[in-house]
PDB file of N, CA and C in Angstrom:
ATOM      1  N   UNK A   1      -6.237   6.799  -3.728  1.00  0.00           N
ATOM      2  CA  UNK A   1      -7.302   4.875  -3.917  1.00  0.00           C
ATOM      3  C   UNK A   1      -8.062   4.693  -3.290  1.00  0.00           C
ATOM      4  N   UNK A   2      -8.059   4.086  -2.251  1.00  0.00           N
ATOM      5  CA  UNK A   2      -9.250   3.464  -1.569  1.00  0.00           C
ATOM      6  C   UNK A   2      -9.058   3.887  -0.312  1.00  0.00           C
ATOM      7  N   UNK A   3      -7.924   4.688   0.202  1.00  0.00           N
ATOM      8  CA  UNK A   3      -7.850   5.137   1.620  1.00  0.00           C
ATOM      9  C   UNK A   3      -7.215   4.294   2.749  1.00  0.00           C
ATOM     10  N   UNK A   4      -7.255   4.256   3.549  1.00  0.00           N
ATOM     11  CA  UNK A   4      -6.124   3.266   4.643  1.00  0.00           C
ATOM     12  C   UNK A   4      -6.711   1.843   4.642  1.00  0.00           C
ATOM     13  N   UNK A   5      -5.246   0.988   4.504  1.00  0.00           N
ATOM     14  CA  UNK A   5      -5.286  -0.454   4.435  1.00  0.00           C
ATOM     15  C   UNK A   5      -4.833  -0.435   5.751  1.00  0.00           C
ATOM     16  N   UNK A   6      -4.994   0.160   6.534  1.00  0.00           N
ATOM     17  CA  UNK A   6      -4.559  -0.540   7.926  1.00  0.00           C
ATOM     18  C   UNK A   6      -3.169  -0.902   8.056  1.00  0.00           C
ATOM     19  N   UNK A   7      -2.454  -1.043   9.176  1.00  0.00           N
ATOM     20  CA  UNK A   7      -1.606  -1.528   9.508  1.00  0.00           C
ATOM     21  C   UNK A   7      -1.486  -3.117   9.573  1.00  0.00           C
ATOM     22  N   UNK A   8       0.053  -3.847   9.493  1.00  0.00           N
ATOM     23  CA  UNK A   8       0.071  -4.888   9.929  1.00  0.00           C
ATOM     24  C   UNK A   8       0.934  -5.354  10.644  1.00  0.00           C
ATOM     25  N   UNK A   9       0.795  -5.130  11.827  1.00  0.00           N
ATOM     26  CA  UNK A   9       2.172  -5.332  13.168  1.00  0.00           C
ATOM     27  C   UNK A   9       2.602  -4.032  13.414  1.00  0.00           C
ATOM     28  N   UNK A  10       3.006  -3.824  14.426  1.00  0.00           N
ATOM     29  CA  UNK A  10       3.091  -2.663  14.907  1.00  0.00           C
ATOM     30  C   UNK A  10       4.451  -1.911  14.741  1.00  0.00           C
ATOM     31  N   UNK A  11       5.643  -2.679  13.971  1.00  0.00           N
ATOM     32  CA  UNK A  11       6.667  -2.057  12.830  1.00  0.00           C
ATOM     33  C   UNK A  11       6.013  -1.506  11.919  1.00  0.00           C
ATOM     34  N   UNK A  12       5.025  -1.357  11.191  1.00  0.00           N
ATOM     35  CA  UNK A  12       4.785  -0.606  10.408  1.00  0.00           C
ATOM     36  C   UNK A  12       3.798   0.761  10.760  1.00  0.00           C
ATOM     37  N   UNK A  13       2.987   0.627  11.870  1.00  0.00           N
ATOM     38  CA  UNK A  13       2.625   1.536  12.890  1.00  0.00           C
ATOM     39  C   UNK A  13       3.704   2.241  13.378  1.00  0.00           C
ATOM     40  N   UNK A  14       4.735   1.782  13.717  1.00  0.00           N
ATOM     41  CA  UNK A  14       5.894   2.977  14.307  1.00  0.00           C
ATOM     42  C   UNK A  14       6.676   3.413  13.105  1.00  0.00           C
ATOM     43  N   UNK A  15       6.632   2.590  12.130  1.00  0.00           N
ATOM     44  CA  UNK A  15       7.515   3.318  10.696  1.00  0.00           C
ATOM     45  C   UNK A  15       7.066   4.511  10.170  1.00  0.00           C
ATOM     46  N   UNK A  16       5.526   4.642  10.249  1.00  0.00           N
ATOM     47  CA  UNK A  16       4.966   5.623   9.628  1.00  0.00           C
ATOM     48  C   UNK A  16       4.517   6.872  10.608  1.00  0.00           C
ATOM     49  N   UNK A  17       4.620   6.298  12.239  1.00  0.00           N
ATOM     50  CA  UNK A  17       4.421   7.326  12.766  1.00  0.00           C
ATOM     51  C   UNK A  17       5.442   8.598  13.499  1.00  0.00           C
ATOM     52  N   UNK A  18       5.633   9.538  13.695  1.00  0.00           N
ATOM     53  CA  UNK A  18       6.658  10.664  13.477  1.00  0.00           C
ATOM     54  C   UNK A  18       6.916  10.490  14.862  1.00  0.00           C
ATOM     55  N   UNK A  19       6.410  10.405  15.987  1.00  0.00           N
ATOM     56  CA  UNK A  19       6.762   9.915  17.548  1.00  0.00           C
ATOM     57  C   UNK A  19       7.563   8.771  17.629  1.00  0.00           C
ATOM     58  N   UNK A  20       7.489   7.925  17.371  1.00  0.00           N
ATOM     59  CA  UNK A  20       7.954   6.787  16.963  1.00  0.00           C
ATOM     60  C   UNK A  20       9.237   6.460  16.651  1.00  0.00           C
ATOM     61  N   UNK A  21       9.124   7.993  15.179  1.00  0.00           N
ATOM     62  CA  UNK A  21      10.360   7.693  14.646  1.00  0.00           C
ATOM     63  C   UNK A  21      11.735   8.427  14.988  1.00  0.00           C
ATOM     64  N   UNK A  22      11.283   9.498  16.051  1.00  0.00           N
ATOM     65  CA  UNK A  22      12.360  10.234  16.588  1.00  0.00           C
ATOM     66  C   UNK A  22      12.480   9.013  18.420  1.00  0.00           C
ATOM     67  N   UNK A  23      11.888   8.133  18.499  1.00  0.00           N
ATOM     68  CA  UNK A  23      12.475   7.466  19.340  1.00  0.00           C
ATOM     69  C   UNK A  23      13.062   6.042  19.256  1.00  0.00           C
ATOM     70  N   UNK A  24      12.588   5.899  18.108  1.00  0.00           N
ATOM     71  CA  UNK A  24      13.471   4.387  17.401  1.00  0.00           C
ATOM     72  C   UNK A  24      14.217   4.551  16.782  1.00  0.00           C
ATOM     73  N   UNK A  25      15.350   3.422  16.787  1.00  0.00           N
ATOM     74  CA  UNK A  25      16.103   3.170  15.617  1.00  0.00           C
ATOM     75  C   UNK A  25      16.201   2.023  14.999  1.00  0.00           C
ATOM     76  N   UNK A  26      15.765   2.355  13.323  1.00  0.00           N
ATOM     77  CA  UNK A  26      15.959   0.618  12.542  1.00  0.00           C
ATOM     78  C   UNK A  26      17.559   0.529  11.946  1.00  0.00           C
ATOM     79  N   UNK A  27      17.992   0.064  11.881  1.00  0.00           N
ATOM     80  CA  UNK A  27      18.845  -0.635  10.974  1.00  0.00           C
ATOM     81  C   UNK A  27      18.592   0.064   9.152  1.00  0.00           C
ATOM     82  N   UNK A  28      19.998  -0.183   8.320  1.00  0.00           N
ATOM     83  CA  UNK A  28      20.135   0.859   7.386  1.00  0.00           C
ATOM     84  C   UNK A  28      19.056   0.041   6.522  1.00  0.00           C
ATOM     85  N   UNK A  29      18.316   0.630   6.044  1.00  0.00           N
ATOM     86  CA  UNK A  29      17.210  -0.022   4.580  1.00  0.00           C
ATOM     87  C   UNK A  29      16.069  -0.432   5.314  1.00  0.00           C
ATOM     88  N   UNK A  30      15.748  -0.943   6.686  1.00  0.00           N
ATOM     89  CA  UNK A  30      14.712  -1.162   7.405  1.00  0.00           C
ATOM     90  C   UNK A  30      13.550  -0.415   7.074  1.00  0.00           C
ATOM     91  N   UNK A  31      14.006   0.660   7.238  1.00  0.00           N
ATOM     92  CA  UNK A  31      12.288   1.626   6.799  1.00  0.00           C
ATOM     93  C   UNK A  31      11.940   1.322   5.833  1.00  0.00           C
ATOM     94  N   UNK A  32      12.823   1.841   4.804  1.00  0.00           N
ATOM     95  CA  UNK A  32      12.288   1.658   3.154  1.00  0.00           C
ATOM     96  C   UNK A  32      11.595  -0.066   2.883  1.00  0.00           C
ATOM     97  N   UNK A  33      12.383  -1.139   3.863  1.00  0.00           N
ATOM     98  CA  UNK A  33      12.070  -2.678   3.484  1.00  0.00           C
ATOM     99  C   UNK A  33      10.212  -2.671   3.832  1.00  0.00           C
ATOM    100  N   UNK A  34      10.046  -1.903   4.967  1.00  0.00           N
ATOM    101  CA  UNK A  34       8.570  -1.910   5.576  1.00  0.00           C
ATOM    102  C   UNK A  34       7.470  -1.162   4.635  1.00  0.00           C
ATOM    103  N   UNK A  35       8.209   0.177   4.391  1.00  0.00           N
ATOM    104  CA  UNK A  35       7.156   0.814   3.830  1.00  0.00           C
ATOM    105  C   UNK A  35       7.125   0.280   2.187  1.00  0.00           C
ATOM    106  N   UNK A  36       8.076  -0.234   1.871  1.00  0.00           N
ATOM    107  CA  UNK A  36       7.810  -0.765   0.005  1.00  0.00           C
ATOM    108  C   UNK A  36       6.683  -2.013   0.545  1.00  0.00           C
ATOM    109  N   UNK A  37       6.992  -2.859   1.563  1.00  0.00           N
ATOM    110  CA  UNK A  37       5.987  -3.867   1.690  1.00  0.00           C
ATOM    111  C   UNK A  37       4.614  -3.499   2.259  1.00  0.00           C
ATOM    112  N   UNK A  38       4.360  -2.357   2.675  1.00  0.00           N
ATOM    113  CA  UNK A  38       2.905  -1.864   3.013  1.00  0.00           C
ATOM    114  C   UNK A  38       2.506  -0.854   1.607  1.00  0.00           C
ATOM    115  N   UNK A  39       3.240  -0.537   1.150  1.00  0.00           N
ATOM    116  CA  UNK A  39       2.683   0.428  -0.103  1.00  0.00           C
ATOM    117  C   UNK A  39       2.644  -0.723  -0.984  1.00  0.00           C
ATOM    118  N   UNK A  40       2.945  -2.163  -1.491  1.00  0.00           N
ATOM    119  CA  UNK A  40       3.154  -2.951  -2.258  1.00  0.00           C
ATOM    120  C   UNK A  40       1.530  -3.804  -1.591  1.00  0.00           C
ATOM    121  N   UNK A  41       1.062  -3.994  -0.741  1.00  0.00           N
ATOM    122  CA  UNK A  41       0.232  -4.327  -0.308  1.00  0.00           C
ATOM    123  C   UNK A  41      -1.594  -3.900  -0.596  1.00  0.00           C
ATOM    124  N   UNK A  42      -1.099  -2.568  -0.689  1.00  0.00           N
ATOM    125  CA  UNK A  42      -1.831  -1.656  -0.971  1.00  0.00           C
ATOM    126  C   UNK A  42      -2.415  -1.542  -2.490  1.00  0.00           C
ATOM    127  N   UNK A  43      -1.370  -1.509  -2.747  1.00  0.00           N
ATOM    128  CA  UNK A  43      -1.556  -1.327  -4.249  1.00  0.00           C
ATOM    129  C   UNK A  43      -1.983  -2.634  -5.011  1.00  0.00           C
ATOM    130  N   UNK A  44      -1.725  -3.627  -4.178  1.00  0.00           N
ATOM    131  CA  UNK A  44      -2.230  -5.286  -4.479  1.00  0.00           C
ATOM    132  C   UNK A  44      -3.731  -5.183  -4.484  1.00  0.00           C
ATOM    133  N   UNK A  45      -4.317  -4.498  -2.947  1.00  0.00           N
ATOM    134  CA  UNK A  45      -5.721  -4.388  -2.764  1.00  0.00           C
ATOM    135  C   UNK A  45      -6.172  -3.601  -3.646  1.00  0.00           C
ATOM    136  N   UNK A  46      -5.902  -2.444  -4.098  1.00  0.00           N
ATOM    137  CA  UNK A  46      -6.698  -1.523  -5.343  1.00  0.00           C
ATOM    138  C   UNK A  46      -6.868  -2.079  -6.477  1.00  0.00           C
ATOM    139  N   UNK A  47      -5.895  -3.250  -6.993  1.00  0.00           N
ATOM    140  CA  UNK A  47      -5.806  -3.631  -8.519  1.00  0.00           C
ATOM    141  C   UNK A  47      -6.972  -4.678  -8.239  1.00  0.00           C
ATOM    142  N   UNK A  48      -6.750  -5.689  -7.123  1.00  0.00           N
ATOM    143  CA  UNK A  48      -7.779  -6.833  -7.038  1.00  0.00           C
ATOM    144  C   UNK A  48      -9.372  -6.074  -6.826  1.00  0.00           C
ATOM    145  N   UNK A  49      -9.650  -4.873  -6.095  1.00  0.00           N
ATOM    146  CA  UNK A  49     -10.703  -3.887  -5.965  1.00  0.00           C
ATOM    147  C   UNK A  49     -11.325  -3.989  -7.148  1.00  0.00           C
ATOM    148  N   UNK A  50     -10.355  -3.376  -8.507  1.00  0.00           N
ATOM    149  CA  UNK A  50     -10.654  -2.806  -9.521  1.00  0.00           C
ATOM    150  C   UNK A  50     -11.213  -4.206 -10.479  1.00  0.00           C
ATOM    151  N   UNK A  51     -10.075  -5.042 -10.486  1.00  0.00           N
ATOM    152  CA  UNK A  51     -10.838  -6.534 -11.090  1.00  0.00           C
ATOM    153  C   UNK A  51     -11.844  -7.142 -10.536  1.00  0.00           C
ATOM    154  N   UNK A  52     -12.136  -7.068  -9.458  1.00  0.00           N
ATOM    155  CA  UNK A  52     -13.605  -7.601  -8.611  1.00  0.00           C
ATOM    156  C   UNK A  52     -14.642  -6.890  -8.964  1.00  0.00           C
ATOM    157  N   UNK A  53     -14.434  -5.471  -9.199  1.00  0.00           N
ATOM    158  CA  UNK A  53     -15.679  -4.585  -9.418  1.00  0.00           C
ATOM    159  C   UNK A  53     -15.499  -5.199 -10.870  1.00  0.00           C
ATOM    160  N   UNK A  54     -14.947  -5.052 -12.061  1.00  0.00           N
ATOM    161  CA  UNK A  54     -14.790  -5.113 -13.253  1.00  0.00           C
ATOM    162  C   UNK A  54     -14.499  -3.839 -14.098  1.00  0.00           C
ATOM    163  N   UNK A  55     -14.181  -2.919 -13.331  1.00  0.00           N
ATOM    164  CA  UNK A  55     -13.821  -0.974 -14.315  1.00  0.00           C
ATOM    165  C   UNK A  55     -12.724  -1.881 -15.425  1.00  0.00           C
ATOM    166  N   UNK A  56     -12.282  -2.322 -14.834  1.00  0.00           N
ATOM    167  CA  UNK A  56     -10.763  -2.745 -16.081  1.00  0.00           C
ATOM    168  C   UNK A  56     -11.323  -3.175 -17.405  1.00  0.00           C
ATOM    169  N   UNK A  57     -12.375  -3.819 -17.255  1.00  0.00           N
ATOM    170  CA  UNK A  57     -12.602  -4.372 -18.470  1.00  0.00           C
ATOM    171  C   UNK A  57     -13.578  -3.435 -19.265  1.00  0.00           C
ATOM    172  N   UNK A  58     -14.066  -2.429 -18.665  1.00  0.00           N
ATOM    173  CA  UNK A  58     -14.700  -1.158 -19.223  1.00  0.00           C
ATOM    174  C   UNK A  58     -13.478   0.033 -19.409  1.00  0.00           C
ATOM    175  N   UNK A  59     -12.308   0.206 -18.911  1.00  0.00           N
ATOM    176  CA  UNK A  59     -11.583   0.816 -19.342  1.00  0.00           C
ATOM    177  C   UNK A  59     -10.789   0.668 -20.403  1.00  0.00           C
ATOM    178  N   UNK A  60     -10.298  -0.323 -20.551  1.00  0.00           N
ATOM    179  CA  UNK A  60     -10.010  -1.225 -21.625  1.00  0.00           C
ATOM    180  C   UNK A  60     -10.193  -1.786 -22.923  1.00  0.00           C
ATOM    181  N   UNK A  61     -11.481  -1.125 -22.957  1.00  0.00           N
ATOM    182  CA  UNK A  61     -12.140  -1.465 -23.934  1.00  0.00           C
ATOM    183  C   UNK A  61     -11.647  -0.620 -25.337  1.00  0.00           C
ATOM    184  N   UNK A  62     -11.490  -1.239 -26.239  1.00  0.00           N
ATOM    185  CA  UNK A  62     -11.100  -0.731 -27.235  1.00  0.00           C
ATOM    186  C   UNK A  62     -12.319   0.539 -28.140  1.00  0.00           C
ATOM    187  N   UNK A  63     -12.219   1.765 -28.757  1.00  0.00           N
ATOM    188  CA  UNK A  63     -13.422   2.594 -29.116  1.00  0.00           C
ATOM    189  C   UNK A  63     -14.010   1.530 -30.369  1.00  0.00           C
ATOM    190  N   UNK A  64     -13.757   1.034 -30.787  1.00  0.00           N
ATOM    191  CA  UNK A  64     -14.257   0.649 -32.330  1.00  0.00           C
ATOM    192  C   UNK A  64     -15.433  -0.236 -31.834  1.00  0.00           C
ATOM    193  N   UNK A  65     -15.430  -0.874 -30.961  1.00  0.00           N
ATOM    194  CA  UNK A  65     -16.091  -1.809 -30.631  1.00  0.00           C
ATOM    195  C   UNK A  65     -17.472  -1.292 -30.026  1.00  0.00           C
TER     196      UNK A  65
END
């Protein structure tokens, strides 16, 4: 995609780093929630970048036109 977008807050950094995963413990489903929030933000940023540059209009155009 567009590379790493960076982390928002320490809990995302802790959730993705192996060193912190060995030390910290989260409640059931907390890691999944953190990771889902991170990847949703990354996909949204990539989508906005595609829309902003206008690549979507070029790719989605029918061949006959």
